[in-house]
Amino acid sequence: MIQSENRMREHDVQGDSRSLMDLIKDLRDETVKLLRQEMILAKTETTEKLSRAGRNAASLAVGGVIAYAGLMFLLIAATVGLYVGLVAAGVSHATSGWLAPLIIGGIVTIIGAVMVQKALHTFRNESFDLERTKASVAADKDWITNKVS
């Protein structure tokens, strides 16, 4: 009976030792797995953001070309209309010929400058931070801290 108790004590000591080692190994394995998952999340989030930016840039380019073509016709029509209006107002054909495009060009330039400023402001405010990854890493840090303590 004494031998049996001694063996049980040795087994308990070894079991505790193995158990602690197993816990440390499990913590290491879980931490490595967690870090790998964080890397995958960061890569996925970056890919999503770049893909969305690429789609938006393509739409912007195609829409810009189409709008540009339409705008050219509208500007030609506006210039001709202003030319006719200036002539009807008593301005000479020679003066109306350069004044009408100058006025239309000035107005379009101002509108374009305002649009460029707005676009630059929007790009400056766009965040390329990996918000989900940061939040997940912070949660993982808390999890590891709790596991270790």
N, C-alpha and C. Protein backbone atom coordinates (compact mmCIF):
# COMPACT_ATOMS: atom_id res chain seq x y z
N MET A 1 0.81 -1.18 0.00
CA MET A 1 0.00 0.00 0.00
C MET A 1 0.85 1.25 0.00
N ILE A 2 1.95 1.25 0.78
CA ILE A 2 2.86 2.39 0.82
C ILE A 2 3.49 2.58 -0.55
N GLN A 3 3.87 1.49 -1.19
CA GLN A 3 4.45 1.61 -2.53
C GLN A 3 3.44 2.22 -3.50
N SER A 4 2.22 1.83 -3.39
CA SER A 4 1.18 2.34 -4.26
C SER A 4 0.99 3.85 -4.06
N GLU A 5 1.03 4.30 -2.80
CA GLU A 5 0.89 5.73 -2.52
C GLU A 5 2.09 6.50 -3.07
N ASN A 6 3.30 5.93 -2.91
CA ASN A 6 4.50 6.59 -3.45
C ASN A 6 4.41 6.73 -4.97
N ARG A 7 3.95 5.67 -5.62
CA ARG A 7 3.81 5.74 -7.07
C ARG A 7 2.78 6.80 -7.49
N MET A 8 1.69 6.89 -6.73
CA MET A 8 0.67 7.89 -7.04
C MET A 8 1.23 9.29 -6.85
N ARG A 9 2.05 9.49 -5.80
CA ARG A 9 2.65 10.81 -5.58
C ARG A 9 3.61 11.15 -6.72
N GLU A 10 4.44 10.17 -7.13
CA GLU A 10 5.37 10.41 -8.24
C GLU A 10 4.58 10.73 -9.51
N HIS A 11 3.49 9.98 -9.71
CA HIS A 11 2.67 10.21 -10.89
C HIS A 11 2.05 11.61 -10.83
N ASP A 12 1.58 12.03 -9.65
CA ASP A 12 1.00 13.36 -9.50
C ASP A 12 2.03 14.43 -9.79
N VAL A 13 3.25 14.24 -9.28
CA VAL A 13 4.30 15.23 -9.52
C VAL A 13 4.64 15.26 -11.00
N GLN A 14 4.80 14.08 -11.61
CA GLN A 14 5.10 14.05 -13.03
C GLN A 14 3.92 14.58 -13.85
N GLY A 15 2.71 14.22 -13.43
CA GLY A 15 1.52 14.69 -14.14
C GLY A 15 1.42 16.21 -14.09
N ASP A 16 1.71 16.81 -12.92
CA ASP A 16 1.68 18.26 -12.82
C ASP A 16 2.75 18.87 -13.72
N SER A 17 3.92 18.25 -13.71
CA SER A 17 5.02 18.75 -14.52
C SER A 17 4.66 18.66 -16.00
N ARG A 18 4.14 17.52 -16.40
CA ARG A 18 3.75 17.35 -17.79
C ARG A 18 2.59 18.29 -18.12
N SER A 19 1.71 18.42 -17.21
CA SER A 19 0.57 19.28 -17.44
C SER A 19 1.02 20.73 -17.64
N LEU A 20 1.95 21.19 -16.84
CA LEU A 20 2.47 22.54 -17.00
C LEU A 20 3.19 22.68 -18.33
N MET A 21 3.97 21.68 -18.69
CA MET A 21 4.66 21.72 -19.98
C MET A 21 3.65 21.70 -21.12
N ASP A 22 2.62 20.87 -20.95
CA ASP A 22 1.59 20.83 -21.98
C ASP A 22 0.90 22.19 -22.12
N LEU A 23 0.65 22.84 -20.99
CA LEU A 23 0.03 24.17 -21.03
C LEU A 23 0.93 25.16 -21.74
N ILE A 24 2.20 25.11 -21.46
CA ILE A 24 3.15 26.02 -22.11
C ILE A 24 3.21 25.74 -23.61
N LYS A 25 3.25 24.46 -23.97
CA LYS A 25 3.27 24.10 -25.40
C LYS A 25 1.97 24.55 -26.07
N ASP A 26 0.85 24.33 -25.39
CA ASP A 26 -0.43 24.75 -25.95
C ASP A 26 -0.46 26.27 -26.15
N LEU A 27 0.03 26.99 -25.16
CA LEU A 27 0.07 28.45 -25.27
C LEU A 27 0.94 28.88 -26.44
N ARG A 28 2.09 28.23 -26.58
CA ARG A 28 2.98 28.54 -27.70
C ARG A 28 2.31 28.24 -29.03
N ASP A 29 1.70 27.05 -29.12
CA ASP A 29 1.04 26.67 -30.37
C ASP A 29 -0.12 27.60 -30.71
N GLU A 30 -0.91 27.94 -29.69
CA GLU A 30 -2.04 28.83 -29.92
C GLU A 30 -1.57 30.23 -30.31
N THR A 31 -0.49 30.68 -29.72
CA THR A 31 0.05 32.00 -30.04
C THR A 31 0.57 32.03 -31.48
N VAL A 32 1.28 30.99 -31.88
CA VAL A 32 1.78 30.91 -33.26
C VAL A 32 0.61 30.87 -34.24
N LYS A 33 -0.40 30.06 -33.91
CA LYS A 33 -1.58 29.97 -34.76
C LYS A 33 -2.28 31.33 -34.86
N LEU A 34 -2.38 31.99 -33.73
CA LEU A 34 -3.02 33.30 -33.68
C LEU A 34 -2.26 34.32 -34.53
N LEU A 35 -0.95 34.33 -34.42
CA LEU A 35 -0.14 35.26 -35.21
C LEU A 35 -0.29 34.98 -36.70
N ARG A 36 -0.36 33.72 -37.06
CA ARG A 36 -0.57 33.38 -38.48
C ARG A 36 -1.92 33.88 -38.95
N GLN A 37 -2.94 33.71 -38.11
CA GLN A 37 -4.27 34.18 -38.48
C GLN A 37 -4.29 35.70 -38.60
N GLU A 38 -3.54 36.38 -37.75
CA GLU A 38 -3.47 37.84 -37.84
C GLU A 38 -2.82 38.26 -39.15
N MET A 39 -1.80 37.56 -39.56
CA MET A 39 -1.14 37.87 -40.83
C MET A 39 -2.11 37.65 -41.99
N ILE A 40 -2.88 36.58 -41.93
CA ILE A 40 -3.86 36.31 -42.98
C ILE A 40 -4.91 37.41 -42.99
N LEU A 41 -5.37 37.83 -41.80
CA LEU A 41 -6.36 38.91 -41.72
C LEU A 41 -5.80 40.20 -42.30
N ALA A 42 -4.56 40.54 -41.95
CA ALA A 42 -3.95 41.77 -42.47
C ALA A 42 -3.84 41.70 -43.99
N LYS A 43 -3.43 40.55 -44.51
CA LYS A 43 -3.31 40.39 -45.95
C LYS A 43 -4.67 40.51 -46.63
N THR A 44 -5.68 39.88 -46.05
CA THR A 44 -7.03 39.93 -46.61
C THR A 44 -7.57 41.34 -46.60
N GLU A 45 -7.38 42.03 -45.48
CA GLU A 45 -7.90 43.39 -45.36
C GLU A 45 -7.19 44.32 -46.35
N THR A 46 -5.90 44.16 -46.49
CA THR A 46 -5.14 44.98 -47.44
C THR A 46 -5.60 44.70 -48.87
N THR A 47 -5.79 43.44 -49.19
CA THR A 47 -6.26 43.07 -50.53
C THR A 47 -7.63 43.66 -50.81
N GLU A 48 -8.53 43.59 -49.81
CA GLU A 48 -9.87 44.16 -49.98
C GLU A 48 -9.79 45.66 -50.25
N LYS A 49 -8.98 46.37 -49.48
CA LYS A 49 -8.88 47.81 -49.64
C LYS A 49 -8.28 48.18 -51.00
N LEU A 50 -7.23 47.45 -51.39
CA LEU A 50 -6.61 47.74 -52.69
C LEU A 50 -7.54 47.40 -53.84
N SER A 51 -8.27 46.30 -53.70
CA SER A 51 -9.22 45.92 -54.74
C SER A 51 -10.32 46.96 -54.89
N ARG A 52 -10.85 47.43 -53.76
CA ARG A 52 -11.88 48.45 -53.79
C ARG A 52 -11.34 49.75 -54.40
N ALA A 53 -10.12 50.12 -54.04
CA ALA A 53 -9.51 51.33 -54.60
C ALA A 53 -9.29 51.18 -56.11
N GLY A 54 -8.90 49.98 -56.54
CA GLY A 54 -8.70 49.73 -57.97
C GLY A 54 -9.99 49.82 -58.75
N ARG A 55 -11.06 49.23 -58.20
CA ARG A 55 -12.36 49.31 -58.87
C ARG A 55 -12.82 50.76 -58.96
N ASN A 56 -12.65 51.49 -57.89
CA ASN A 56 -13.07 52.90 -57.88
C ASN A 56 -12.25 53.72 -58.87
N ALA A 57 -10.96 53.43 -58.96
CA ALA A 57 -10.10 54.16 -59.89
C ALA A 57 -10.51 53.85 -61.34
N ALA A 58 -10.84 52.59 -61.63
CA ALA A 58 -11.26 52.23 -62.99
C ALA A 58 -12.58 52.91 -63.33
N SER A 59 -13.52 52.90 -62.40
CA SER A 59 -14.80 53.58 -62.65
C SER A 59 -14.59 55.08 -62.85
N LEU A 60 -13.71 55.63 -62.06
CA LEU A 60 -13.41 57.05 -62.19
C LEU A 60 -12.81 57.37 -63.56
N ALA A 61 -11.91 56.53 -64.02
CA ALA A 61 -11.27 56.77 -65.32
C ALA A 61 -12.27 56.66 -66.47
N VAL A 62 -13.06 55.59 -66.48
CA VAL A 62 -14.03 55.38 -67.56
C VAL A 62 -15.09 56.48 -67.53
N GLY A 63 -15.61 56.75 -66.34
CA GLY A 63 -16.60 57.82 -66.22
C GLY A 63 -16.04 59.16 -66.62
N GLY A 64 -14.79 59.40 -66.28
CA GLY A 64 -14.14 60.66 -66.65
C GLY A 64 -14.01 60.84 -68.14
N VAL A 65 -13.65 59.77 -68.84
CA VAL A 65 -13.50 59.86 -70.30
C VAL A 65 -14.85 60.13 -70.96
N ILE A 66 -15.87 59.43 -70.50
CA ILE A 66 -17.21 59.62 -71.08
C ILE A 66 -17.72 61.03 -70.78
N ALA A 67 -17.56 61.44 -69.54
CA ALA A 67 -18.01 62.78 -69.16
C ALA A 67 -17.23 63.85 -69.93
N TYR A 68 -15.96 63.60 -70.15
CA TYR A 68 -15.13 64.56 -70.89
C TYR A 68 -15.65 64.74 -72.31
N ALA A 69 -15.99 63.63 -72.96
CA ALA A 69 -16.51 63.71 -74.33
C ALA A 69 -17.82 64.51 -74.36
N GLY A 70 -18.71 64.21 -73.43
CA GLY A 70 -19.97 64.94 -73.37
C GLY A 70 -19.75 66.41 -73.05
N LEU A 71 -18.83 66.68 -72.14
CA LEU A 71 -18.54 68.06 -71.76
C LEU A 71 -18.01 68.86 -72.94
N MET A 72 -17.21 68.25 -73.79
CA MET A 72 -16.67 68.96 -74.95
C MET A 72 -17.80 69.44 -75.86
N PHE A 73 -18.78 68.56 -76.10
CA PHE A 73 -19.91 68.97 -76.93
C PHE A 73 -20.71 70.08 -76.26
N LEU A 74 -20.93 69.97 -74.96
CA LEU A 74 -21.66 71.01 -74.26
C LEU A 74 -20.91 72.34 -74.28
N LEU A 75 -19.61 72.28 -74.13
CA LEU A 75 -18.81 73.51 -74.15
C LEU A 75 -18.80 74.16 -75.53
N ILE A 76 -18.75 73.32 -76.55
CA ILE A 76 -18.82 73.87 -77.91
C ILE A 76 -20.17 74.56 -78.12
N ALA A 77 -21.24 73.90 -77.68
CA ALA A 77 -22.57 74.48 -77.83
C ALA A 77 -22.69 75.78 -77.01
N ALA A 78 -22.15 75.77 -75.78
CA ALA A 78 -22.20 76.98 -74.95
C ALA A 78 -21.39 78.11 -75.58
N THR A 79 -20.25 77.78 -76.13
CA THR A 79 -19.41 78.80 -76.76
C THR A 79 -20.11 79.40 -77.98
N VAL A 80 -20.70 78.55 -78.81
CA VAL A 80 -21.42 79.04 -79.99
C VAL A 80 -22.61 79.89 -79.54
N GLY A 81 -23.33 79.41 -78.52
CA GLY A 81 -24.47 80.17 -78.01
C GLY A 81 -24.05 81.53 -77.47
N LEU A 82 -22.96 81.58 -76.73
CA LEU A 82 -22.47 82.85 -76.19
C LEU A 82 -22.01 83.76 -77.33
N TYR A 83 -21.36 83.17 -78.32
CA TYR A 83 -20.92 83.95 -79.49
C TYR A 83 -22.12 84.62 -80.16
N VAL A 84 -23.16 83.83 -80.39
CA VAL A 84 -24.36 84.37 -81.03
C VAL A 84 -24.98 85.45 -80.15
N GLY A 85 -25.02 85.21 -78.84
CA GLY A 85 -25.57 86.19 -77.92
C GLY A 85 -24.78 87.49 -77.90
N LEU A 86 -23.45 87.39 -77.95
CA LEU A 86 -22.60 88.59 -77.97
C LEU A 86 -22.81 89.39 -79.25
N VAL A 87 -22.90 88.67 -80.36
CA VAL A 87 -23.13 89.34 -81.64
C VAL A 87 -24.50 90.03 -81.62
N ALA A 88 -25.49 89.33 -81.08
CA ALA A 88 -26.83 89.92 -80.99
C ALA A 88 -26.84 91.14 -80.07
N ALA A 89 -25.91 91.16 -79.09
CA ALA A 89 -25.83 92.29 -78.15
C ALA A 89 -25.05 93.45 -78.75
N GLY A 90 -24.54 93.29 -79.96
CA GLY A 90 -23.86 94.39 -80.62
C GLY A 90 -22.34 94.29 -80.59
N VAL A 91 -21.78 93.20 -80.04
CA VAL A 91 -20.32 93.02 -80.04
C VAL A 91 -19.92 92.51 -81.42
N SER A 92 -18.79 92.96 -81.93
CA SER A 92 -18.36 92.57 -83.28
C SER A 92 -18.09 91.06 -83.34
N HIS A 93 -18.14 90.55 -84.58
CA HIS A 93 -17.85 89.13 -84.80
C HIS A 93 -16.42 88.80 -84.38
N ALA A 94 -15.49 89.66 -84.64
CA ALA A 94 -14.08 89.41 -84.29
C ALA A 94 -13.91 89.33 -82.77
N THR A 95 -14.52 90.24 -82.05
CA THR A 95 -14.40 90.24 -80.58
C THR A 95 -15.17 89.07 -79.99
N SER A 96 -16.35 88.79 -80.48
CA SER A 96 -17.14 87.66 -79.98
C SER A 96 -16.43 86.34 -80.22
N GLY A 97 -15.65 86.26 -81.30
CA GLY A 97 -14.92 85.04 -81.66
C GLY A 97 -13.89 84.62 -80.62
N TRP A 98 -13.27 85.56 -79.96
CA TRP A 98 -12.30 85.18 -78.91
C TRP A 98 -12.88 85.34 -77.50
N LEU A 99 -13.85 86.23 -77.33
CA LEU A 99 -14.40 86.48 -76.01
C LEU A 99 -15.29 85.32 -75.52
N ALA A 100 -16.08 84.75 -76.41
CA ALA A 100 -16.96 83.65 -76.01
C ALA A 100 -16.17 82.44 -75.49
N PRO A 101 -15.15 81.95 -76.21
CA PRO A 101 -14.38 80.83 -75.68
C PRO A 101 -13.62 81.19 -74.40
N LEU A 102 -13.18 82.44 -74.27
CA LEU A 102 -12.47 82.87 -73.07
C LEU A 102 -13.40 82.80 -71.84
N ILE A 103 -14.60 83.28 -72.00
CA ILE A 103 -15.55 83.26 -70.87
C ILE A 103 -15.90 81.82 -70.49
N ILE A 104 -16.24 81.00 -71.47
CA ILE A 104 -16.60 79.60 -71.21
C ILE A 104 -15.40 78.86 -70.61
N GLY A 105 -14.22 79.07 -71.16
CA GLY A 105 -13.01 78.42 -70.63
C GLY A 105 -12.72 78.82 -69.20
N GLY A 106 -12.92 80.09 -68.86
CA GLY A 106 -12.71 80.56 -67.49
C GLY A 106 -13.67 79.90 -66.51
N ILE A 107 -14.93 79.84 -66.90
CA ILE A 107 -15.93 79.20 -66.03
C ILE A 107 -15.61 77.72 -65.81
N VAL A 108 -15.27 77.02 -66.90
CA VAL A 108 -14.95 75.59 -66.79
C VAL A 108 -13.70 75.37 -65.95
N THR A 109 -12.71 76.24 -66.09
CA THR A 109 -11.48 76.11 -65.31
C THR A 109 -11.77 76.27 -63.82
N ILE A 110 -12.61 77.21 -63.46
CA ILE A 110 -12.96 77.41 -62.04
C ILE A 110 -13.69 76.17 -61.50
N ILE A 111 -14.64 75.66 -62.26
CA ILE A 111 -15.37 74.45 -61.84
C ILE A 111 -14.40 73.28 -61.67
N GLY A 112 -13.50 73.13 -62.63
CA GLY A 112 -12.51 72.03 -62.56
C GLY A 112 -11.61 72.16 -61.35
N ALA A 113 -11.16 73.38 -61.06
CA ALA A 113 -10.28 73.58 -59.91
C ALA A 113 -10.99 73.23 -58.60
N VAL A 114 -12.27 73.59 -58.50
CA VAL A 114 -13.04 73.25 -57.30
C VAL A 114 -13.17 71.73 -57.17
N MET A 115 -13.43 71.06 -58.27
CA MET A 115 -13.56 69.60 -58.24
C MET A 115 -12.25 68.91 -57.86
N VAL A 116 -11.14 69.41 -58.38
CA VAL A 116 -9.83 68.84 -58.05
C VAL A 116 -9.55 69.02 -56.56
N GLN A 117 -9.85 70.19 -56.02
CA GLN A 117 -9.63 70.44 -54.59
C GLN A 117 -10.47 69.49 -53.74
N LYS A 118 -11.71 69.27 -54.15
CA LYS A 118 -12.58 68.36 -53.41
C LYS A 118 -12.02 66.94 -53.45
N ALA A 119 -11.58 66.50 -54.62
CA ALA A 119 -11.02 65.15 -54.75
C ALA A 119 -9.76 64.99 -53.91
N LEU A 120 -8.89 65.99 -53.92
CA LEU A 120 -7.67 65.92 -53.11
C LEU A 120 -8.01 65.85 -51.63
N HIS A 121 -9.00 66.61 -51.21
CA HIS A 121 -9.43 66.59 -49.81
C HIS A 121 -9.96 65.19 -49.43
N THR A 122 -10.74 64.59 -50.33
CA THR A 122 -11.28 63.25 -50.08
C THR A 122 -10.16 62.22 -49.98
N PHE A 123 -9.17 62.29 -50.87
CA PHE A 123 -8.05 61.35 -50.82
C PHE A 123 -7.24 61.52 -49.54
N ARG A 124 -7.06 62.73 -49.11
CA ARG A 124 -6.31 62.96 -47.87
C ARG A 124 -7.03 62.38 -46.66
N ASN A 125 -8.35 62.37 -46.69
CA ASN A 125 -9.12 61.86 -45.56
C ASN A 125 -9.35 60.36 -45.61
N GLU A 126 -9.00 59.72 -46.73
CA GLU A 126 -9.18 58.27 -46.84
C GLU A 126 -8.16 57.56 -45.96
N SER A 127 -8.64 56.64 -45.19
CA SER A 127 -7.78 55.90 -44.27
C SER A 127 -7.41 54.55 -44.89
N PHE A 128 -6.13 54.27 -44.89
CA PHE A 128 -5.65 52.97 -45.35
C PHE A 128 -5.14 52.15 -44.17
N ASP A 129 -5.54 52.57 -42.96
CA ASP A 129 -5.19 51.80 -41.77
C ASP A 129 -5.94 50.47 -41.79
N LEU A 130 -5.36 49.49 -41.18
CA LEU A 130 -5.98 48.18 -41.08
C LEU A 130 -6.72 48.11 -39.74
N GLU A 131 -7.91 48.73 -39.70
CA GLU A 131 -8.65 48.87 -38.45
C GLU A 131 -8.98 47.52 -37.83
N ARG A 132 -9.51 46.60 -38.64
CA ARG A 132 -9.90 45.29 -38.09
C ARG A 132 -8.69 44.54 -37.57
N THR A 133 -7.58 44.63 -38.29
CA THR A 133 -6.38 43.93 -37.86
C THR A 133 -5.87 44.52 -36.56
N LYS A 134 -5.86 45.84 -36.45
CA LYS A 134 -5.41 46.48 -35.20
C LYS A 134 -6.27 46.05 -34.03
N ALA A 135 -7.58 46.05 -34.22
CA ALA A 135 -8.49 45.66 -33.14
C ALA A 135 -8.28 44.20 -32.76
N SER A 136 -8.08 43.37 -33.75
CA SER A 136 -7.88 41.94 -33.49
C SER A 136 -6.57 41.69 -32.76
N VAL A 137 -5.52 42.41 -33.17
CA VAL A 137 -4.21 42.26 -32.50
C VAL A 137 -4.31 42.74 -31.05
N ALA A 138 -5.03 43.81 -30.81
CA ALA A 138 -5.21 44.29 -29.43
C ALA A 138 -5.95 43.25 -28.60
N ALA A 139 -6.98 42.64 -29.17
CA ALA A 139 -7.72 41.60 -28.46
C ALA A 139 -6.82 40.40 -28.20
N ASP A 140 -5.99 40.06 -29.18
CA ASP A 140 -5.06 38.94 -29.01
C ASP A 140 -4.05 39.21 -27.92
N LYS A 141 -3.60 40.45 -27.86
CA LYS A 141 -2.64 40.83 -26.82
C LYS A 141 -3.28 40.63 -25.45
N ASP A 142 -4.52 41.05 -25.32
CA ASP A 142 -5.23 40.87 -24.04
C ASP A 142 -5.40 39.38 -23.74
N TRP A 143 -5.73 38.60 -24.76
CA TRP A 143 -5.92 37.17 -24.58
C TRP A 143 -4.63 36.50 -24.10
N ILE A 144 -3.51 36.86 -24.75
CA ILE A 144 -2.21 36.26 -24.38
C ILE A 144 -1.84 36.68 -22.97
N THR A 145 -2.07 37.96 -22.65
CA THR A 145 -1.77 38.45 -21.30
C THR A 145 -2.57 37.68 -20.26
N ASN A 146 -3.84 37.43 -20.53
CA ASN A 146 -4.69 36.67 -19.59
C ASN A 146 -4.23 35.22 -19.49
N LYS A 147 -3.82 34.62 -20.61
CA LYS A 147 -3.35 33.23 -20.61
C LYS A 147 -2.08 33.07 -19.79
N VAL A 148 -1.16 34.05 -19.93
CA VAL A 148 0.12 33.96 -19.25
C VAL A 148 -0.05 34.17 -17.74
N SER A 149 -0.96 35.05 -17.36
CA SER A 149 -1.11 35.33 -15.92
C SER A 149 -2.08 34.41 -15.25
